[in-house]
Protein backbone atom coordinates (compact mmCIF):
# COMPACT_ATOMS: atom_id res chain seq x y z
CA MET A 1 53.91 147.29 93.60
CA GLU A 2 53.60 144.75 96.55
CA ARG A 3 53.24 141.82 94.25
CA LYS A 4 56.38 142.98 92.13
CA LEU A 5 58.26 143.18 95.33
CA ILE A 6 57.24 139.43 96.34
CA ILE A 7 58.34 138.39 92.89
CA VAL A 8 61.68 140.05 93.29
CA CYS A 9 62.31 138.53 96.64
CA LEU A 10 61.42 134.93 95.54
CA THR A 11 63.79 135.33 92.59
CA ILE A 12 66.71 136.45 94.94
CA ALA A 13 65.78 133.47 97.17
CA LEU A 14 66.00 131.04 94.35
CA LEU A 15 69.32 132.45 93.13
CA LEU A 16 70.82 132.18 96.63
CA SER A 17 69.67 128.52 97.04
CA SER A 18 71.44 127.56 93.74
CA CYS A 19 74.74 128.85 94.53
CA GLY A 20 77.69 126.57 95.63
CA GLY A 21 78.29 128.41 99.01
CA ARG A 22 76.78 127.55 102.28
CA GLY A 23 73.55 129.36 101.59
CA LYS A 24 70.56 129.13 103.59
CA ALA A 25 67.19 127.96 101.97
CA SER A 26 63.72 127.53 103.24
CA SER A 27 63.33 124.53 105.84
CA VAL A 28 61.17 121.61 104.61
CA SER A 29 58.76 119.61 106.79
CA GLU A 30 58.46 116.31 104.69
CA GLU A 31 60.21 113.37 106.22
CA GLY A 32 62.97 111.54 104.23
CA ASP A 33 64.09 108.05 104.34
CA THR A 34 67.52 107.39 106.08
CA ILE A 35 69.94 105.53 104.18
CA ALA A 36 71.40 102.91 106.38
CA LEU A 37 75.09 103.42 107.39
CA HIS A 38 76.33 100.71 109.84
CA HIS A 39 79.88 102.01 110.75
CA THR A 40 80.45 105.65 110.24
CA GLN A 41 80.08 107.94 112.98
CA ASN A 42 80.28 111.37 111.34
CA LEU A 43 78.20 110.90 108.33
CA THR A 44 74.39 110.62 107.78
CA LEU A 45 72.40 110.39 104.61
CA VAL A 46 68.66 111.00 104.20
CA ALA A 47 66.81 110.57 100.86
CA TYR A 48 63.96 112.77 99.90
CA PRO A 49 61.97 112.49 96.86
CA ASP A 50 63.86 114.95 94.82
CA TYR A 51 67.39 115.11 96.68
CA ILE A 52 69.47 113.68 99.45
CA VAL A 53 70.75 115.51 102.43
CA ALA A 54 74.33 114.50 103.52
CA THR A 55 74.98 115.82 107.10
CA LEU A 56 78.75 115.75 108.23
CA ARG A 57 79.24 115.82 111.86
CA ASN A 58 82.22 117.94 113.11
CA PRO A 59 84.70 115.44 114.45
CA TRP A 60 86.50 117.86 116.62
CA ASP A 61 83.10 119.12 118.27
CA THR A 62 80.51 116.23 117.86
CA LEU A 63 77.70 118.42 119.08
CA LYS A 64 78.14 120.63 115.87
CA THR A 65 77.74 120.17 112.20
CA LEU A 66 80.68 120.44 109.96
CA HIS A 67 78.74 120.90 106.65
CA THR A 68 75.47 119.89 105.09
CA TYR A 69 74.98 119.15 101.45
CA ILE A 70 71.99 118.86 99.23
CA LEU A 71 72.60 116.56 96.53
CA LEU A 72 70.34 117.53 93.66
CA PRO A 73 70.44 115.64 90.40
CA LYS A 74 71.29 117.95 87.62
CA GLU A 75 68.28 117.16 85.34
CA LYS A 76 65.85 118.08 87.99
CA PRO A 77 64.62 121.72 88.43
CA LEU A 78 65.68 123.57 91.51
CA PRO A 79 62.64 122.97 94.05
CA GLN A 80 61.07 126.09 95.52
CA GLN A 81 61.87 124.82 99.00
CA LEU A 82 65.27 123.22 100.20
CA PRO A 83 66.62 122.60 103.62
CA GLU A 84 69.75 124.62 104.65
CA GLY A 85 73.06 123.56 103.16
CA THR A 86 75.22 123.63 100.15
CA VAL A 87 73.55 122.64 96.92
CA VAL A 88 75.56 120.18 94.93
CA ARG A 89 74.23 119.36 91.39
CA THR A 90 74.95 115.58 90.94
CA PRO A 91 76.56 113.64 89.23
CA LEU A 92 79.85 115.55 89.46
CA SER A 93 81.64 115.49 86.12
CA LYS A 94 84.67 117.66 86.54
CA SER A 95 86.03 118.23 90.00
CA VAL A 96 89.21 119.24 91.59
CA ILE A 97 90.67 116.51 93.98
CA TYR A 98 93.15 117.50 96.75
CA SER A 99 94.28 113.98 97.68
CA SER A 100 95.60 110.73 96.04
CA VAL A 101 93.24 108.91 98.26
CA HIS A 102 90.18 110.10 96.64
CA CYS A 103 91.54 109.97 93.12
CA SER A 104 92.27 106.14 93.83
CA LEU A 105 88.74 105.56 95.24
CA LEU A 106 87.09 107.34 92.14
CA ASP A 107 89.28 104.83 90.01
CA LYS A 108 87.89 101.94 91.87
CA ILE A 109 84.31 102.97 91.55
CA GLY A 110 84.65 103.81 87.76
CA ALA A 111 84.55 107.57 88.08
CA SER A 112 88.12 108.52 87.28
CA GLY A 113 86.92 110.31 84.24
CA SER A 114 85.29 112.88 86.52
CA ILE A 115 88.53 114.25 87.92
CA GLY A 116 89.17 117.35 86.15
CA GLY A 117 92.22 118.61 88.26
CA VAL A 118 94.37 117.71 91.18
CA CYS A 119 96.53 119.34 93.84
CA ASP A 120 99.99 118.16 95.09
CA LEU A 121 100.54 116.01 91.91
CA LYS A 122 104.01 115.17 93.33
CA TYR A 123 102.38 113.20 95.97
CA ILE A 124 99.97 111.24 93.82
CA GLN A 125 101.56 108.00 92.97
CA LEU A 126 98.68 106.88 90.58
CA PRO A 127 99.89 106.12 87.06
CA PHE A 128 96.55 107.01 85.51
CA VAL A 129 96.75 110.37 87.17
CA GLN A 130 100.35 111.13 86.18
CA GLU A 131 99.76 110.17 82.52
CA ALA A 132 96.41 112.17 82.32
CA CYS A 133 98.23 115.40 83.75
CA ARG A 134 101.09 114.75 81.07
CA GLN A 135 98.41 114.48 78.31
CA GLY A 136 96.43 117.57 79.73
CA SER A 137 93.26 115.65 80.29
CA ILE A 138 93.78 116.45 83.93
CA ALA A 139 94.87 119.96 85.29
CA ASP A 140 97.68 120.39 87.65
CA CYS A 141 96.16 122.90 90.01
CA GLY A 142 99.37 123.37 92.13
CA GLU A 143 99.87 122.84 95.74
CA SER A 144 96.84 122.38 97.96
CA MET A 145 98.09 125.05 100.51
CA ASN A 146 98.44 127.53 97.63
CA PRO A 147 96.43 126.38 94.60
CA ASP A 148 96.67 127.84 91.22
CA MET A 149 93.62 130.06 91.19
CA GLU A 150 93.63 131.01 87.38
CA ARG A 151 93.84 127.29 86.46
CA ILE A 152 90.76 126.34 88.65
CA ILE A 153 88.79 129.25 87.53
CA ASP A 154 89.67 128.33 83.84
CA LEU A 155 88.63 124.71 84.52
CA HIS A 156 85.23 125.66 85.72
CA PRO A 157 84.92 122.55 88.21
CA ASP A 158 81.65 121.62 89.71
CA ALA A 159 83.25 120.84 93.18
CA ILE A 160 86.34 120.63 94.96
CA LEU A 161 87.03 117.89 97.23
CA LEU A 162 89.52 118.60 100.09
CA SER A 163 90.33 117.61 103.60
CA PRO A 164 89.31 119.75 106.58
CA PHE A 165 91.60 120.23 109.56
CA GLU A 166 90.92 121.46 113.13
CA ASN A 167 91.28 125.14 113.47
CA SER A 168 92.62 125.38 109.88
CA GLY A 169 91.12 128.86 109.59
CA GLY A 170 89.22 128.15 106.30
CA TYR A 171 90.34 127.26 102.80
CA GLY A 172 91.61 130.69 101.55
CA ARG A 173 90.68 131.91 98.20
CA VAL A 174 88.88 128.95 96.84
CA GLU A 175 86.08 129.77 99.26
CA LYS A 176 85.23 132.92 97.25
CA LEU A 177 84.85 131.03 93.94
CA ASN A 178 81.21 129.95 94.58
CA ILE A 179 82.19 126.38 93.91
CA PRO A 180 80.91 123.60 96.40
CA LEU A 181 83.74 122.56 98.79
CA ILE A 182 83.19 118.88 99.71
CA GLU A 183 84.87 118.46 103.07
CA CYS A 184 86.29 114.97 103.09
CA ALA A 185 86.47 114.24 106.84
CA ASP A 186 86.45 110.42 106.40
CA TYR A 187 89.94 110.33 107.80
CA MET A 188 88.54 111.27 111.19
CA GLU A 189 86.47 108.22 111.76
CA THR A 190 87.49 105.91 114.42
CA SER A 191 87.07 102.61 112.63
CA PRO A 192 88.48 101.23 109.61
CA LEU A 193 84.88 100.33 108.19
CA GLY A 194 83.65 103.66 109.36
CA ARG A 195 86.05 105.37 107.11
CA ALA A 196 85.61 103.10 104.30
CA GLU A 197 81.86 103.46 104.39
CA TRP A 198 82.37 106.99 103.21
CA MET A 199 82.75 105.66 99.87
CA ARG A 200 78.83 105.49 99.60
CA PHE A 201 78.88 109.22 100.06
CA TYR A 202 81.13 109.70 97.24
CA GLY A 203 79.46 107.27 95.04
CA LEU A 204 76.27 109.45 95.36
CA LEU A 205 78.47 112.66 94.44
CA PHE A 206 79.78 111.12 91.25
CA GLY A 207 76.77 108.97 90.08
CA ALA A 208 78.38 105.74 90.90
CA ALA A 209 76.32 104.61 93.90
CA PRO A 210 75.78 101.15 92.76
CA GLN A 211 79.36 100.67 92.28
CA ALA A 212 80.38 102.21 95.55
CA ASP A 213 77.74 100.22 97.58
CA SER A 214 78.88 96.94 95.90
CA LEU A 215 82.58 97.66 96.72
CA PHE A 216 81.75 98.55 100.16
CA ALA A 217 79.74 95.40 100.75
CA LYS A 218 82.82 93.41 99.50
CA VAL A 219 85.15 95.35 101.87
CA GLU A 220 82.87 94.74 104.66
CA ALA A 221 82.39 90.99 104.17
CA ASN A 222 86.17 90.40 103.48
CA TYR A 223 86.94 92.39 106.73
CA ARG A 224 84.50 90.45 108.96
CA GLN A 225 85.70 87.10 107.62
CA LEU A 226 89.32 88.02 108.18
CA LYS A 227 88.60 89.39 111.75
CA GLN A 228 86.76 85.99 112.52
CA ARG A 229 89.73 84.24 111.21
CA ALA A 230 92.20 86.00 113.69
CA ALA A 231 89.87 85.37 116.35
CA LEU A 232 90.30 81.59 115.92
CA SER A 233 93.96 81.71 116.20
CA SER A 234 95.77 80.57 119.36
CA THR A 235 98.64 82.88 118.67
CA SER A 236 98.76 86.02 120.92
CA LEU A 237 101.70 88.54 119.81
CA SER A 238 102.19 92.03 120.76
CA ILE A 239 102.89 94.71 118.29
CA ILE A 240 104.25 98.37 117.96
CA SER A 241 104.45 100.59 114.98
CA GLU A 242 106.13 103.50 113.38
CA LEU A 243 109.57 105.22 113.94
CA LYS A 244 111.21 108.23 115.73
CA SER A 245 110.82 111.37 113.85
CA GLY A 246 113.06 114.26 115.13
CA SER A 247 112.63 114.37 118.83
CA ALA A 248 109.23 112.51 118.99
CA TRP A 249 107.89 109.20 118.13
CA TYR A 250 104.40 109.48 116.74
CA VAL A 251 102.41 106.33 117.71
CA PRO A 252 98.88 105.61 116.67
CA GLY A 253 96.38 106.59 119.52
CA GLY A 254 94.31 103.76 121.21
CA HIS A 255 91.19 104.90 119.52
CA SER A 256 92.60 105.30 116.07
CA THR A 257 91.83 103.19 113.05
CA VAL A 258 95.44 101.59 113.23
CA ALA A 259 94.82 100.56 116.80
CA ARG A 260 91.43 99.19 115.79
CA LEU A 261 93.04 97.08 113.02
CA PHE A 262 95.66 95.73 115.52
CA ARG A 263 92.76 94.73 117.89
CA ASP A 264 90.64 93.24 114.92
CA ALA A 265 93.88 91.25 113.93
CA CYS A 266 93.94 90.00 117.52
CA GLY A 267 97.25 91.76 118.29
CA ARG A 268 98.07 93.12 121.66
CA TYR A 269 98.91 96.90 120.99
CA ALA A 270 101.19 98.53 123.30
CA PHE A 271 99.18 101.80 123.63
CA ALA A 272 95.53 100.19 123.19
CA ASP A 273 94.56 102.05 126.44
CA ASP A 274 95.29 105.39 125.27
CA LYS A 275 92.18 107.59 124.32
CA HIS A 276 93.33 109.51 121.41
CA SER A 277 92.02 108.81 117.80
CA GLY A 278 95.01 110.41 116.09
CA SER A 279 98.85 110.08 116.62
CA ILE A 280 100.48 111.06 119.93
CA PRO A 281 104.11 112.28 120.09
CA LEU A 282 105.81 110.45 122.68
CA ALA A 283 109.51 110.43 123.83
CA PHE A 284 111.69 107.62 122.77
CA GLU A 285 112.32 106.43 126.25
CA THR A 286 108.40 106.51 126.91
CA VAL A 287 107.83 104.07 123.77
CA PHE A 288 110.70 101.87 124.68
CA ASP A 289 109.60 101.60 128.22
CA LYS A 290 106.06 100.54 126.99
CA ALA A 291 106.88 98.64 123.90
CA GLY A 292 110.43 97.55 124.01
CA ASP A 293 109.58 93.81 124.34
CA ALA A 294 106.73 93.96 121.58
CA ASP A 295 106.97 90.69 119.51
CA VAL A 296 106.18 92.55 116.05
CA TRP A 297 107.24 96.04 114.86
CA THR A 298 105.86 97.62 111.61
CA ILE A 299 107.34 100.68 110.14
CA LYS A 300 106.54 102.80 107.05
CA TYR A 301 109.27 104.75 105.07
CA ASN A 302 109.78 106.14 101.59
CA ARG A 303 113.21 105.36 100.16
CA ASP A 304 114.62 104.49 96.73
CA ARG A 305 115.75 101.11 98.25
CA ASP A 306 114.34 98.79 100.92
CA MET A 307 115.40 99.56 104.43
CA THR A 308 117.71 97.26 106.23
CA TYR A 309 118.62 96.35 109.83
CA ALA A 310 121.85 98.26 109.23
CA ASP A 311 119.89 101.36 108.01
CA LEU A 312 117.69 101.28 111.13
CA GLU A 313 120.82 101.10 113.38
CA SER A 314 122.43 104.08 111.56
CA ASP A 315 119.26 106.17 111.78
CA TYR A 316 119.00 105.62 115.49
CA ALA A 317 121.12 103.29 117.62
CA GLY A 318 118.34 103.01 120.17
CA TYR A 319 116.38 100.95 117.85
CA THR A 320 118.81 97.95 118.32
CA GLY A 321 117.32 97.56 122.04
CA PHE A 322 113.99 96.46 120.97
CA LYS A 323 112.97 92.93 121.13
CA ALA A 324 111.73 92.92 117.55
CA PHE A 325 115.03 94.20 116.32
CA LYS A 326 116.97 91.61 118.06
CA GLU A 327 114.80 88.78 116.92
CA ARG A 328 114.59 90.14 113.52
CA ASN A 329 110.79 90.49 113.33
CA ILE A 330 110.28 93.84 111.89
CA TYR A 331 108.08 94.48 108.86
CA GLY A 332 108.73 97.48 106.59
CA CYS A 333 106.37 99.29 103.97
CA ASN A 334 108.18 101.28 101.40
CA THR A 335 105.29 103.60 100.59
CA GLY A 336 107.35 104.77 97.44
CA LYS A 337 107.05 101.34 95.98
CA VAL A 338 103.40 100.22 97.12
CA PRO A 339 100.19 102.25 97.09
CA PHE A 340 99.67 102.05 100.84
CA TYR A 341 98.26 105.44 101.29
CA GLU A 342 96.27 105.27 98.06
CA GLU A 343 94.50 101.97 98.96
CA THR A 344 94.17 101.05 102.50
CA PRO A 345 91.83 103.94 103.59
CA PHE A 346 89.19 102.35 101.54
CA ARG A 347 90.42 98.96 101.58
CA PRO A 348 91.00 98.24 105.15
CA ASP A 349 90.56 94.48 104.51
CA TYR A 350 93.95 94.38 102.60
CA LEU A 351 95.65 96.03 105.44
CA LEU A 352 93.90 93.81 107.87
CA ALA A 353 95.08 90.73 106.03
CA ASP A 354 98.77 91.89 106.31
CA PHE A 355 98.56 92.53 110.00
CA ILE A 356 97.01 89.09 110.52
CA GLN A 357 99.87 87.34 108.56
CA MET A 358 102.16 89.28 110.71
CA LEU A 359 100.59 88.40 114.19
CA HIS A 360 99.57 84.91 113.18
CA PRO A 361 102.25 83.36 110.94
CA GLU A 362 100.58 80.03 111.22
CA ILE A 363 97.82 81.27 108.81
CA GLY A 364 99.51 80.76 105.57
CA ASP A 365 96.58 80.96 103.07
CA LEU A 366 95.75 84.61 102.79
CA GLY A 367 97.83 85.15 99.80
CA GLY A 368 100.94 86.80 101.13
CA LEU A 369 101.67 90.29 102.39
CA ARG A 370 100.53 93.05 100.04
CA TYR A 371 102.20 96.16 101.66
CA PHE A 372 104.75 95.05 104.19
CA CYS A 373 107.83 92.65 103.90
CA LYS A 374 110.24 91.50 106.54
CA ILE A 375 113.27 93.88 107.08
CA LYS A 376 116.43 92.22 105.74
């Protein structure tokens, strides 16, 4: 009787460890080999003989863990002992992706065929995704805040990739589907290369580690070369970014990836001394007092046609007082026409090249601006 009870308990333990939720499994004592990551602060990877452990640090409470994943190849049997975490069978072959950023990355590392469904399709300006949805090879799973549960269930995805938010209260009904939820916290990194380095984690998930490692090595090398190039310039211009939205002007915090890009481009950012890693809402008067004399001004917008100085003045007359407005040194990025949001998170070298050309106009051999153009 006692032997039967032991067998039953072992069977239950194995079933629990194989589920996609945050199930607990037995701890293991063998040491793994840390996979070297040089820029990211919120991700660690440790390789063991049969699996890889990916630990995501909570970016809002860095003393805690956001999530732990056990990446276990599909062809290998489930070990009797595993560390605590969510078991993810790799490579993922049919996943639901909540953001265009990660759809774009999967395409760049040759894993776009693993996109089984997407959420917020209207915001995904990627032709291959739009066409695949029209043909039915990628499922439109509705809005990320209220996904089509029946469609997701019918799809039988092997994972759902979504972005975590502070105090979000969880992910609603998808948490009950027993499907691994991959929390894509890359956007909370404080350096451009730190965020881009997360592509190596995604490469492991989708069986494209060599492609992801190769791409990141290229991004890292390009970024460093560009940074060194900017450092040799004798030009020193100040910069401000964004536009007023409603009653507030959301400027990148001094510890944000955008501020880091400005610094690496050797630009003097008006809010470099700020301690925030995200955007900070400020009154127009505060921004004007601090950055009214900035040499360069970059803005992003989404319109059918490119913005003009007349449009800016019509939107808010206060803009006309800025030095960059008076001297016609404003650069605009029409995100409805260029893949700014789709590319730049994992290709910060592209964006750095743009900033360097705006801040150091004497450097004329970087191929021209990719995302921005001078406002007419």
